[in-house]
Amino acid sequence: MNIRDGNIFEAMRLVLPEHRALMAQIQRERSKRKRPALTEERLEEMQYELSEAIRERRVVRVTVFTPERDVVLVGHVSVCGRELRVRTVNGVRVVDVRDVIGVEAVNNESR
């Protein structure tokens, strides 16, 4: 019997239903995406881009981390406490500032 990845149930021939559910839960936990660690320099760059976009009322592309996938929002931004409000063509989206992993200015020609 070969036990891989610390999964003791994988080596057994007979798996009880409750163990099968536990195996599926363990697999889901392992497959979740991890939040990327941003450097201090990157955080400062994003803060600068946000402040410039707010001051000059520019459109920005905001990348937001979610456990499933990254979400990209394009629009005008404003900050209220720890929330970032992005006004897109589909309405206003409120995002926690800690979930923002990227901010970049959008050229008017590309919109």
PDB file of N, CA and C in Angstrom:
ATOM      1  N   MET A   1       0.834  -1.187   0.000  1.00  0.00           N
ATOM      2  CA  MET A   1       0.000   0.000   0.000  1.00  0.00           C
ATOM      3  C   MET A   1       0.876   1.246   0.000  1.00  0.00           C
ATOM      4  N   ASN A   2       0.516   2.160  -0.837  1.00  0.00           N
ATOM      5  CA  ASN A   2       1.270   3.404  -0.950  1.00  0.00           C
ATOM      6  C   ASN A   2       0.371   4.563  -0.526  1.00  0.00           C
ATOM      7  N   ILE A   3       0.731   5.233   0.549  1.00  0.00           N
ATOM      8  CA  ILE A   3      -0.051   6.365   1.037  1.00  0.00           C
ATOM      9  C   ILE A   3       0.618   7.634   0.534  1.00  0.00           C
ATOM     10  N   ARG A   4      -0.138   8.403  -0.292  1.00  0.00           N
ATOM     11  CA  ARG A   4       0.417   9.626  -0.872  1.00  0.00           C
ATOM     12  C   ARG A   4      -0.307  10.833  -0.314  1.00  0.00           C
ATOM     13  N   ASP A   5       0.404  11.952  -0.211  1.00  0.00           N
ATOM     14  CA  ASP A   5      -0.164  13.240   0.188  1.00  0.00           C
ATOM     15  C   ASP A   5      -0.875  13.192   1.536  1.00  0.00           C
ATOM     16  N   GLY A   6      -0.513  12.269   2.405  1.00  0.00           N
ATOM     17  CA  GLY A   6      -1.111  12.223   3.728  1.00  0.00           C
ATOM     18  C   GLY A   6      -2.562  11.769   3.725  1.00  0.00           C
ATOM     19  N   ASN A   7      -3.044  11.192   2.635  1.00  0.00           N
ATOM     20  CA  ASN A   7      -4.429  10.748   2.554  1.00  0.00           C
ATOM     21  C   ASN A   7      -4.461   9.258   2.867  1.00  0.00           C
ATOM     22  N   ILE A   8      -4.786   8.905   4.096  1.00  0.00           N
ATOM     23  CA  ILE A   8      -4.753   7.507   4.513  1.00  0.00           C
ATOM     24  C   ILE A   8      -5.892   6.706   3.879  1.00  0.00           C
ATOM     25  N   PHE A   9      -6.960   7.362   3.454  1.00  0.00           N
ATOM     26  CA  PHE A   9      -8.096   6.650   2.871  1.00  0.00           C
ATOM     27  C   PHE A   9      -7.806   6.170   1.452  1.00  0.00           C
ATOM     28  N   GLU A  10      -6.855   6.799   0.780  1.00  0.00           N
ATOM     29  CA  GLU A  10      -6.561   6.470  -0.600  1.00  0.00           C
ATOM     30  C   GLU A  10      -6.017   5.051  -0.731  1.00  0.00           C
ATOM     31  N   ALA A  11      -5.387   4.538   0.289  1.00  0.00           N
ATOM     32  CA  ALA A  11      -4.772   3.223   0.227  1.00  0.00           C
ATOM     33  C   ALA A  11      -5.743   2.100   0.558  1.00  0.00           C
ATOM     34  N   MET A  12      -6.923   2.417   1.016  1.00  0.00           N
ATOM     35  CA  MET A  12      -7.879   1.385   1.412  1.00  0.00           C
ATOM     36  C   MET A  12      -8.730   0.955   0.223  1.00  0.00           C
ATOM     37  N   ARG A  13      -9.070  -0.319   0.223  1.00  0.00           N
ATOM     38  CA  ARG A  13      -9.908  -0.873  -0.833  1.00  0.00           C
ATOM     39  C   ARG A  13     -11.369  -0.495  -0.631  1.00  0.00           C
ATOM     40  N   LEU A  14     -11.819  -0.510   0.573  1.00  0.00           N
ATOM     41  CA  LEU A  14     -13.208  -0.212   0.885  1.00  0.00           C
ATOM     42  C   LEU A  14     -13.270   1.151   1.577  1.00  0.00           C
ATOM     43  N   VAL A  15     -14.081   2.033   1.030  1.00  0.00           N
ATOM     44  CA  VAL A  15     -14.192   3.369   1.607  1.00  0.00           C
ATOM     45  C   VAL A  15     -15.640   3.585   2.026  1.00  0.00           C
ATOM     46  N   LEU A  16     -15.814   3.915   3.293  1.00  0.00           N
ATOM     47  CA  LEU A  16     -17.154   4.185   3.805  1.00  0.00           C
ATOM     48  C   LEU A  16     -17.665   5.518   3.259  1.00  0.00           C
ATOM     49  N   PRO A  17     -18.987   5.673   3.152  1.00  0.00           N
ATOM     50  CA  PRO A  17     -19.541   6.933   2.608  1.00  0.00           C
ATOM     51  C   PRO A  17     -19.087   8.174   3.368  1.00  0.00           C
ATOM     52  N   GLU A  18     -19.020   8.105   4.688  1.00  0.00           N
ATOM     53  CA  GLU A  18     -18.577   9.280   5.442  1.00  0.00           C
ATOM     54  C   GLU A  18     -17.112   9.595   5.183  1.00  0.00           C
ATOM     55  N   HIS A  19     -16.314   8.563   4.910  1.00  0.00           N
ATOM     56  CA  HIS A  19     -14.918   8.793   4.567  1.00  0.00           C
ATOM     57  C   HIS A  19     -14.808   9.380   3.160  1.00  0.00           C
ATOM     58  N   ARG A  20     -15.689   8.962   2.262  1.00  0.00           N
ATOM     59  CA  ARG A  20     -15.690   9.490   0.899  1.00  0.00           C
ATOM     60  C   ARG A  20     -15.987  10.998   0.927  1.00  0.00           C
ATOM     61  N   ALA A  21     -16.949  11.396   1.779  1.00  0.00           N
ATOM     62  CA  ALA A  21     -17.272  12.821   1.921  1.00  0.00           C
ATOM     63  C   ALA A  21     -16.074  13.582   2.489  1.00  0.00           C
ATOM     64  N   LEU A  22     -15.391  12.997   3.462  1.00  0.00           N
ATOM     65  CA  LEU A  22     -14.214  13.632   4.045  1.00  0.00           C
ATOM     66  C   LEU A  22     -13.100  13.765   3.005  1.00  0.00           C
ATOM     67  N   MET A  23     -12.930  12.737   2.179  1.00  0.00           N
ATOM     68  CA  MET A  23     -11.921  12.798   1.118  1.00  0.00           C
ATOM     69  C   MET A  23     -12.229  13.936   0.149  1.00  0.00           C
ATOM     70  N   ALA A  24     -13.497  14.096  -0.217  1.00  0.00           N
ATOM     71  CA  ALA A  24     -13.888  15.158  -1.135  1.00  0.00           C
ATOM     72  C   ALA A  24     -13.645  16.528  -0.506  1.00  0.00           C
ATOM     73  N   GLN A  25     -13.928  16.657   0.786  1.00  0.00           N
ATOM     74  CA  GLN A  25     -13.704  17.929   1.485  1.00  0.00           C
ATOM     75  C   GLN A  25     -12.213  18.255   1.530  1.00  0.00           C
ATOM     76  N   ILE A  26     -11.390  17.271   1.823  1.00  0.00           N
ATOM     77  CA  ILE A  26      -9.939  17.475   1.862  1.00  0.00           C
ATOM     78  C   ILE A  26      -9.436  17.911   0.489  1.00  0.00           C
ATOM     79  N   GLN A  27      -9.945  17.280  -0.569  1.00  0.00           N
ATOM     80  CA  GLN A  27      -9.531  17.639  -1.923  1.00  0.00           C
ATOM     81  C   GLN A  27      -9.939  19.070  -2.273  1.00  0.00           C
ATOM     82  N   ARG A  28     -11.146  19.490  -1.862  1.00  0.00           N
ATOM     83  CA  ARG A  28     -11.590  20.860  -2.122  1.00  0.00           C
ATOM     84  C   ARG A  28     -10.700  21.865  -1.394  1.00  0.00           C
ATOM     85  N   GLU A  29     -10.340  21.568  -0.144  1.00  0.00           N
ATOM     86  CA  GLU A  29      -9.475  22.459   0.628  1.00  0.00           C
ATOM     87  C   GLU A  29      -8.109  22.598  -0.033  1.00  0.00           C
ATOM     88  N   ARG A  30      -7.587  21.514  -0.556  1.00  0.00           N
ATOM     89  CA  ARG A  30      -6.276  21.554  -1.202  1.00  0.00           C
ATOM     90  C   ARG A  30      -6.303  22.330  -2.509  1.00  0.00           C
ATOM     91  N   SER A  31      -7.437  22.298  -3.199  1.00  0.00           N
ATOM     92  CA  SER A  31      -7.504  22.936  -4.509  1.00  0.00           C
ATOM     93  C   SER A  31      -7.837  24.425  -4.435  1.00  0.00           C
ATOM     94  N   LYS A  32      -8.154  24.951  -3.247  1.00  0.00           N
ATOM     95  CA  LYS A  32      -8.448  26.380  -3.117  1.00  0.00           C
ATOM     96  C   LYS A  32      -7.201  27.195  -3.437  1.00  0.00           C
ATOM     97  N   ARG A  33      -7.444  28.310  -4.102  1.00  0.00           N
ATOM     98  CA  ARG A  33      -6.346  29.205  -4.438  1.00  0.00           C
ATOM     99  C   ARG A  33      -5.901  29.962  -3.196  1.00  0.00           C
ATOM    100  N   LYS A  34      -4.643  30.257  -3.157  1.00  0.00           N
ATOM    101  CA  LYS A  34      -4.079  31.042  -2.056  1.00  0.00           C
ATOM    102  C   LYS A  34      -3.935  32.490  -2.499  1.00  0.00           C
ATOM    103  N   ARG A  35      -4.174  33.401  -1.560  1.00  0.00           N
ATOM    104  CA  ARG A  35      -4.028  34.833  -1.842  1.00  0.00           C
ATOM    105  C   ARG A  35      -2.545  35.131  -2.097  1.00  0.00           C
ATOM    106  N   PRO A  36      -2.221  35.825  -3.189  1.00  0.00           N
ATOM    107  CA  PRO A  36      -0.819  36.140  -3.453  1.00  0.00           C
ATOM    108  C   PRO A  36      -0.281  37.142  -2.433  1.00  0.00           C
ATOM    109  N   ALA A  37       0.969  36.976  -2.094  1.00  0.00           N
ATOM    110  CA  ALA A  37       1.626  37.904  -1.163  1.00  0.00           C
ATOM    111  C   ALA A  37       2.181  39.066  -1.971  1.00  0.00           C
ATOM    112  N   LEU A  38       1.710  40.272  -1.670  1.00  0.00           N
ATOM    113  CA  LEU A  38       2.163  41.461  -2.388  1.00  0.00           C
ATOM    114  C   LEU A  38       3.309  42.126  -1.632  1.00  0.00           C
ATOM    115  N   THR A  39       4.301  42.578  -2.368  1.00  0.00           N
ATOM    116  CA  THR A  39       5.435  43.257  -1.748  1.00  0.00           C
ATOM    117  C   THR A  39       5.018  44.669  -1.343  1.00  0.00           C
ATOM    118  N   GLU A  40       5.789  45.250  -0.471  1.00  0.00           N
ATOM    119  CA  GLU A  40       5.528  46.625  -0.021  1.00  0.00           C
ATOM    120  C   GLU A  40       5.585  47.585  -1.201  1.00  0.00           C
ATOM    121  N   GLU A  41       6.517  47.351  -2.098  1.00  0.00           N
ATOM    122  CA  GLU A  41       6.658  48.200  -3.287  1.00  0.00           C
ATOM    123  C   GLU A  41       5.405  48.107  -4.169  1.00  0.00           C
ATOM    124  N   ARG A  42       4.909  46.903  -4.358  1.00  0.00           N
ATOM    125  CA  ARG A  42       3.701  46.705  -5.180  1.00  0.00           C
ATOM    126  C   ARG A  42       2.489  47.381  -4.533  1.00  0.00           C
ATOM    127  N   LEU A  43       2.368  47.282  -3.210  1.00  0.00           N
ATOM    128  CA  LEU A  43       1.266  47.935  -2.510  1.00  0.00           C
ATOM    129  C   LEU A  43       1.333  49.449  -2.672  1.00  0.00           C
ATOM    130  N   GLU A  44       2.538  50.006  -2.596  1.00  0.00           N
ATOM    131  CA  GLU A  44       2.704  51.446  -2.780  1.00  0.00           C
ATOM    132  C   GLU A  44       2.341  51.868  -4.202  1.00  0.00           C
ATOM    133  N   GLU A  45       2.718  51.056  -5.202  1.00  0.00           N
ATOM    134  CA  GLU A  45       2.369  51.358  -6.589  1.00  0.00           C
ATOM    135  C   GLU A  45       0.852  51.367  -6.778  1.00  0.00           C
ATOM    136  N   MET A  46       0.178  50.384  -6.203  1.00  0.00           N
ATOM    137  CA  MET A  46      -1.278  50.315  -6.325  1.00  0.00           C
ATOM    138  C   MET A  46      -1.932  51.502  -5.623  1.00  0.00           C
ATOM    139  N   GLN A  47      -1.416  51.871  -4.455  1.00  0.00           N
ATOM    140  CA  GLN A  47      -1.962  53.015  -3.727  1.00  0.00           C
ATOM    141  C   GLN A  47      -1.785  54.295  -4.539  1.00  0.00           C
ATOM    142  N   TYR A  48      -0.629  54.452  -5.173  1.00  0.00           N
ATOM    143  CA  TYR A  48      -0.373  55.634  -6.002  1.00  0.00           C
ATOM    144  C   TYR A  48      -1.338  55.671  -7.184  1.00  0.00           C
ATOM    145  N   GLU A  49      -1.506  54.526  -7.873  1.00  0.00           N
ATOM    146  CA  GLU A  49      -2.428  54.463  -9.019  1.00  0.00           C
ATOM    147  C   GLU A  49      -3.849  54.816  -8.595  1.00  0.00           C
ATOM    148  N   LEU A  50      -4.282  54.292  -7.449  1.00  0.00           N
ATOM    149  CA  LEU A  50      -5.631  54.590  -6.956  1.00  0.00           C
ATOM    150  C   LEU A  50      -5.800  56.062  -6.640  1.00  0.00           C
ATOM    151  N   SER A  51      -4.819  56.634  -5.941  1.00  0.00           N
ATOM    152  CA  SER A  51      -4.940  58.044  -5.573  1.00  0.00           C
ATOM    153  C   SER A  51      -4.942  58.942  -6.803  1.00  0.00           C
ATOM    154  N   GLU A  52      -4.119  58.617  -7.803  1.00  0.00           N
ATOM    155  CA  GLU A  52      -4.102  59.389  -9.045  1.00  0.00           C
ATOM    156  C   GLU A  52      -5.418  59.240  -9.802  1.00  0.00           C
ATOM    157  N   ALA A  53      -5.957  58.041  -9.831  1.00  0.00           N
ATOM    158  CA  ALA A  53      -7.212  57.807 -10.538  1.00  0.00           C
ATOM    159  C   ALA A  53      -8.366  58.548  -9.869  1.00  0.00           C
ATOM    160  N   ILE A  54      -8.373  58.581  -8.551  1.00  0.00           N
ATOM    161  CA  ILE A  54      -9.430  59.292  -7.828  1.00  0.00           C
ATOM    162  C   ILE A  54      -9.280  60.804  -8.043  1.00  0.00           C
ATOM    163  N   ARG A  55      -8.057  61.284  -7.929  1.00  0.00           N
ATOM    164  CA  ARG A  55      -7.812  62.721  -8.052  1.00  0.00           C
ATOM    165  C   ARG A  55      -8.133  63.231  -9.456  1.00  0.00           C
ATOM    166  N   GLU A  56      -7.738  62.463 -10.477  1.00  0.00           N
ATOM    167  CA  GLU A  56      -7.929  62.901 -11.863  1.00  0.00           C
ATOM    168  C   GLU A  56      -9.174  62.313 -12.518  1.00  0.00           C
ATOM    169  N   ARG A  57      -9.953  61.568 -11.735  1.00  0.00           N
ATOM    170  CA  ARG A  57     -11.183  60.928 -12.236  1.00  0.00           C
ATOM    171  C   ARG A  57     -10.904  60.078 -13.485  1.00  0.00           C
ATOM    172  N   ARG A  58      -9.880  59.245 -13.383  1.00  0.00           N
ATOM    173  CA  ARG A  58      -9.507  58.365 -14.489  1.00  0.00           C
ATOM    174  C   ARG A  58     -10.141  56.996 -14.315  1.00  0.00           C
ATOM    175  N   VAL A  59     -10.263  56.284 -15.416  1.00  0.00           N
ATOM    176  CA  VAL A  59     -10.759  54.905 -15.404  1.00  0.00           C
ATOM    177  C   VAL A  59      -9.581  53.984 -15.107  1.00  0.00           C
ATOM    178  N   VAL A  60      -9.801  53.009 -14.229  1.00  0.00           N
ATOM    179  CA  VAL A  60      -8.757  52.043 -13.894  1.00  0.00           C
ATOM    180  C   VAL A  60      -9.291  50.618 -14.035  1.00  0.00           C
ATOM    181  N   ARG A  61      -8.358  49.691 -14.162  1.00  0.00           N
ATOM    182  CA  ARG A  61      -8.665  48.265 -14.184  1.00  0.00           C
ATOM    183  C   ARG A  61      -8.211  47.707 -12.838  1.00  0.00           C
ATOM    184  N   VAL A  62      -9.176  47.219 -12.060  1.00  0.00           N
ATOM    185  CA  VAL A  62      -8.895  46.693 -10.725  1.00  0.00           C
ATOM    186  C   VAL A  62      -9.024  45.174 -10.763  1.00  0.00           C
ATOM    187  N   THR A  63      -7.984  44.470 -10.329  1.00  0.00           N
ATOM    188  CA  THR A  63      -8.017  43.016 -10.254  1.00  0.00           C
ATOM    189  C   THR A  63      -8.271  42.627  -8.807  1.00  0.00           C
ATOM    190  N   VAL A  64      -9.323  41.814  -8.595  1.00  0.00           N
ATOM    191  CA  VAL A  64      -9.752  41.433  -7.251  1.00  0.00           C
ATOM    192  C   VAL A  64      -9.568  39.931  -7.083  1.00  0.00           C
ATOM    193  N   PHE A  65      -8.949  39.533  -5.966  1.00  0.00           N
ATOM    194  CA  PHE A  65      -8.738  38.115  -5.668  1.00  0.00           C
ATOM    195  C   PHE A  65     -10.008  37.499  -5.100  1.00  0.00           C
ATOM    196  N   THR A  66     -10.400  36.345  -5.616  1.00  0.00           N
ATOM    197  CA  THR A  66     -11.432  35.507  -5.010  1.00  0.00           C
ATOM    198  C   THR A  66     -10.875  34.092  -4.985  1.00  0.00           C
ATOM    199  N   PRO A  67     -11.358  33.237  -4.087  1.00  0.00           N
ATOM    200  CA  PRO A  67     -10.815  31.874  -4.028  1.00  0.00           C
ATOM    201  C   PRO A  67     -11.003  31.084  -5.325  1.00  0.00           C
ATOM    202  N   GLU A  68     -12.008  31.412  -6.115  1.00  0.00           N
ATOM    203  CA  GLU A  68     -12.258  30.676  -7.356  1.00  0.00           C
ATOM    204  C   GLU A  68     -11.395  31.183  -8.510  1.00  0.00           C
ATOM    205  N   ARG A  69     -11.380  32.528  -8.698  1.00  0.00           N
ATOM    206  CA  ARG A  69     -10.638  33.116  -9.808  1.00  0.00           C
ATOM    207  C   ARG A  69     -10.481  34.609  -9.555  1.00  0.00           C
ATOM    208  N   ASP A  70      -9.613  35.254 -10.339  1.00  0.00           N
ATOM    209  CA  ASP A  70      -9.464  36.701 -10.239  1.00  0.00           C
ATOM    210  C   ASP A  70     -10.591  37.372 -11.013  1.00  0.00           C
ATOM    211  N   VAL A  71     -11.124  38.460 -10.457  1.00  0.00           N
ATOM    212  CA  VAL A  71     -12.186  39.229 -11.094  1.00  0.00           C
ATOM    213  C   VAL A  71     -11.598  40.578 -11.486  1.00  0.00           C
ATOM    214  N   VAL A  72     -11.813  40.985 -12.731  1.00  0.00           N
ATOM    215  CA  VAL A  72     -11.301  42.263 -13.226  1.00  0.00           C
ATOM    216  C   VAL A  72     -12.475  43.219 -13.397  1.00  0.00           C
ATOM    217  N   LEU A  73     -12.376  44.382 -12.751  1.00  0.00           N
ATOM    218  CA  LEU A  73     -13.401  45.419 -12.840  1.00  0.00           C
ATOM    219  C   LEU A  73     -12.783  46.646 -13.493  1.00  0.00           C
ATOM    220  N   VAL A  74     -13.508  47.253 -14.408  1.00  0.00           N
ATOM    221  CA  VAL A  74     -13.020  48.448 -15.092  1.00  0.00           C
ATOM    222  C   VAL A  74     -14.020  49.568 -14.853  1.00  0.00           C
ATOM    223  N   GLY A  75     -13.528  50.694 -14.328  1.00  0.00           N
ATOM    224  CA  GLY A  75     -14.399  51.829 -14.094  1.00  0.00           C
ATOM    225  C   GLY A  75     -13.735  52.888 -13.235  1.00  0.00           C
ATOM    226  N   HIS A  76     -14.545  53.831 -12.787  1.00  0.00           N
ATOM    227  CA  HIS A  76     -14.070  54.887 -11.891  1.00  0.00           C
ATOM    228  C   HIS A  76     -14.113  54.372 -10.457  1.00  0.00           C
ATOM    229  N   VAL A  77     -13.172  54.814  -9.632  1.00  0.00           N
ATOM    230  CA  VAL A  77     -13.080  54.298  -8.269  1.00  0.00           C
ATOM    231  C   VAL A  77     -13.217  55.407  -7.238  1.00  0.00           C
ATOM    232  N   SER A  78     -13.664  54.992  -6.059  1.00  0.00           N
ATOM    233  CA  SER A  78     -13.662  55.849  -4.880  1.00  0.00           C
ATOM    234  C   SER A  78     -13.415  54.940  -3.678  1.00  0.00           C
ATOM    235  N   VAL A  79     -12.868  55.526  -2.615  1.00  0.00           N
ATOM    236  CA  VAL A  79     -12.536  54.752  -1.423  1.00  0.00           C
ATOM    237  C   VAL A  79     -13.357  55.266  -0.259  1.00  0.00           C
ATOM    238  N   CYS A  80     -13.927  54.328   0.502  1.00  0.00           N
ATOM    239  CA  CYS A  80     -14.695  54.661   1.698  1.00  0.00           C
ATOM    240  C   CYS A  80     -14.261  53.693   2.800  1.00  0.00           C
ATOM    241  N   GLY A  81     -13.357  54.145   3.662  1.00  0.00           N
ATOM    242  CA  GLY A  81     -12.842  53.268   4.714  1.00  0.00           C
ATOM    243  C   GLY A  81     -11.999  52.159   4.114  1.00  0.00           C
ATOM    244  N   ARG A  82     -12.374  50.902   4.381  1.00  0.00           N
ATOM    245  CA  ARG A  82     -11.649  49.755   3.840  1.00  0.00           C
ATOM    246  C   ARG A  82     -12.354  49.186   2.621  1.00  0.00           C
ATOM    247  N   GLU A  83     -13.254  49.977   2.030  1.00  0.00           N
ATOM    248  CA  GLU A  83     -13.979  49.533   0.853  1.00  0.00           C
ATOM    249  C   GLU A  83     -13.581  50.351  -0.363  1.00  0.00           C
ATOM    250  N   LEU A  84     -13.462  49.675  -1.467  1.00  0.00           N
ATOM    251  CA  LEU A  84     -13.183  50.314  -2.738  1.00  0.00           C
ATOM    252  C   LEU A  84     -14.448  50.178  -3.577  1.00  0.00           C
ATOM    253  N   ARG A  85     -14.974  51.297  -4.014  1.00  0.00           N
ATOM    254  CA  ARG A  85     -16.186  51.288  -4.843  1.00  0.00           C
ATOM    255  C   ARG A  85     -15.776  51.530  -6.283  1.00  0.00           C
ATOM    256  N   VAL A  86     -16.138  50.568  -7.146  1.00  0.00           N
ATOM    257  CA  VAL A  86     -15.801  50.659  -8.562  1.00  0.00           C
ATOM    258  C   VAL A  86     -17.099  50.850  -9.341  1.00  0.00           C
ATOM    259  N   ARG A  87     -17.219  51.988 -10.019  1.00  0.00           N
ATOM    260  CA  ARG A  87     -18.416  52.278 -10.810  1.00  0.00           C
ATOM    261  C   ARG A  87     -18.162  51.779 -12.230  1.00  0.00           C
ATOM    262  N   THR A  88     -18.767  50.634 -12.568  1.00  0.00           N
ATOM    263  CA  THR A  88     -18.616  50.028 -13.889  1.00  0.00           C
ATOM    264  C   THR A  88     -19.862  50.320 -14.712  1.00  0.00           C
ATOM    265  N   VAL A  89     -19.881  49.834 -15.947  1.00  0.00           N
ATOM    266  CA  VAL A  89     -21.054  50.017 -16.799  1.00  0.00           C
ATOM    267  C   VAL A  89     -22.241  49.216 -16.283  1.00  0.00           C
ATOM    268  N   ASN A  90     -21.988  48.189 -15.459  1.00  0.00           N
ATOM    269  CA  ASN A  90     -23.051  47.348 -14.900  1.00  0.00           C
ATOM    270  C   ASN A  90     -23.500  47.794 -13.519  1.00  0.00           C
ATOM    271  N   GLY A  91     -22.983  48.896 -13.011  1.00  0.00           N
ATOM    272  CA  GLY A  91     -23.350  49.368 -11.684  1.00  0.00           C
ATOM    273  C   GLY A  91     -22.133  49.505 -10.789  1.00  0.00           C
ATOM    274  N   VAL A  92     -22.391  49.735  -9.514  1.00  0.00           N
ATOM    275  CA  VAL A  92     -21.309  49.938  -8.544  1.00  0.00           C
ATOM    276  C   VAL A  92     -21.005  48.620  -7.844  1.00  0.00           C
ATOM    277  N   ARG A  93     -19.728  48.244  -7.817  1.00  0.00           N
ATOM    278  CA  ARG A  93     -19.278  47.054  -7.093  1.00  0.00           C
ATOM    279  C   ARG A  93     -18.448  47.513  -5.899  1.00  0.00           C
ATOM    280  N   VAL A  94     -18.740  46.960  -4.741  1.00  0.00           N
ATOM    281  CA  VAL A  94     -17.996  47.281  -3.521  1.00  0.00           C
ATOM    282  C   VAL A  94     -17.043  46.128  -3.235  1.00  0.00           C
ATOM    283  N   VAL A  95     -15.761  46.471  -3.064  1.00  0.00           N
ATOM    284  CA  VAL A  95     -14.711  45.470  -2.881  1.00  0.00           C
ATOM    285  C   VAL A  95     -13.921  45.812  -1.636  1.00  0.00           C
ATOM    286  N   ASP A  96     -13.553  44.808  -0.858  1.00  0.00           N
ATOM    287  CA  ASP A  96     -12.667  45.005   0.286  1.00  0.00           C
ATOM    288  C   ASP A  96     -11.271  45.331  -0.245  1.00  0.00           C
ATOM    289  N   VAL A  97     -10.661  46.356   0.295  1.00  0.00           N
ATOM    290  CA  VAL A  97      -9.345  46.800  -0.181  1.00  0.00           C
ATOM    291  C   VAL A  97      -8.312  45.682  -0.053  1.00  0.00           C
ATOM    292  N   ARG A  98      -8.461  44.823   0.946  1.00  0.00           N
ATOM    293  CA  ARG A  98      -7.495  43.735   1.146  1.00  0.00           C
ATOM    294  C   ARG A  98      -7.554  42.690   0.040  1.00  0.00           C
ATOM    295  N   ASP A  99      -8.664  42.653  -0.737  1.00  0.00           N
ATOM    296  CA  ASP A  99      -8.794  41.687  -1.830  1.00  0.00           C
ATOM    297  C   ASP A  99      -8.240  42.195  -3.153  1.00  0.00           C
ATOM    298  N   VAL A 100      -7.860  43.464  -3.204  1.00  0.00           N
ATOM    299  CA  VAL A 100      -7.326  44.039  -4.438  1.00  0.00           C
ATOM    300  C   VAL A 100      -5.887  43.577  -4.621  1.00  0.00           C
ATOM    301  N   ILE A 101      -5.607  42.979  -5.788  1.00  0.00           N
ATOM    302  CA  ILE A 101      -4.247  42.495  -6.050  1.00  0.00           C
ATOM    303  C   ILE A 101      -3.609  43.203  -7.241  1.00  0.00           C
ATOM    304  N   GLY A 102      -4.366  44.089  -7.891  1.00  0.00           N
ATOM    305  CA  GLY A 102      -3.795  44.821  -9.018  1.00  0.00           C
ATOM    306  C   GLY A 102      -4.632  46.034  -9.382  1.00  0.00           C
ATOM    307  N   VAL A 103      -3.942  47.124  -9.715  1.00  0.00           N
ATOM    308  CA  VAL A 103      -4.596  48.351 -10.168  1.00  0.00           C
ATOM    309  C   VAL A 103      -3.751  48.919 -11.292  1.00  0.00           C
ATOM    310  N   GLU A 104      -4.397  49.226 -12.413  1.00  0.00           N
ATOM    311  CA  GLU A 104      -3.665  49.853 -13.509  1.00  0.00           C
ATOM    312  C   GLU A 104      -4.581  50.819 -14.237  1.00  0.00           C
ATOM    313  N   ALA A 105      -3.983  51.898 -14.727  1.00  0.00           N
ATOM    314  CA  ALA A 105      -4.740  52.913 -15.463  1.00  0.00           C
ATOM    315  C   ALA A 105      -5.140  52.356 -16.825  1.00  0.00           C
ATOM    316  N   VAL A 106      -6.311  52.772 -17.279  1.00  0.00           N
ATOM    317  CA  VAL A 106      -6.811  52.349 -18.584  1.00  0.00           C
ATOM    318  C   VAL A 106      -6.750  53.533 -19.526  1.00  0.00           C
ATOM    319  N   ASN A 107      -6.168  53.322 -20.699  1.00  0.00           N
ATOM    320  CA  ASN A 107      -6.135  54.377 -21.713  1.00  0.00           C
ATOM    321  C   ASN A 107      -7.522  54.556 -22.284  1.00  0.00           C
ATOM    322  N   ASN A 108      -7.886  55.783 -22.592  1.00  0.00           N
ATOM    323  CA  ASN A 108      -9.204  56.062 -23.162  1.00  0.00           C
ATOM    324  C   ASN A 108      -9.383  55.403 -24.522  1.00  0.00           C
ATOM    325  N   GLU A 109      -8.297  55.216 -25.270  1.00  0.00           N
ATOM    326  CA  GLU A 109      -8.400  54.607 -26.592  1.00  0.00           C
ATOM    327  C   GLU A 109      -8.788  53.142 -26.508  1.00  0.00           C
ATOM    328  N   SER A 110      -8.403  52.445 -25.392  1.00  0.00           N
ATOM    329  CA  SER A 110      -8.664  51.015 -25.280  1.00  0.00           C
ATOM    330  C   SER A 110     -10.057  50.707 -24.778  1.00  0.00           C
ATOM    331  N   ARG A 111     -10.785  51.710 -24.342  1.00  0.00           N
ATOM    332  CA  ARG A 111     -12.131  51.483 -23.814  1.00  0.00           C
ATOM    333  C   ARG A 111     -13.151  51.496 -24.856  1.00  0.00           C
TER     334      ARG A 111
END
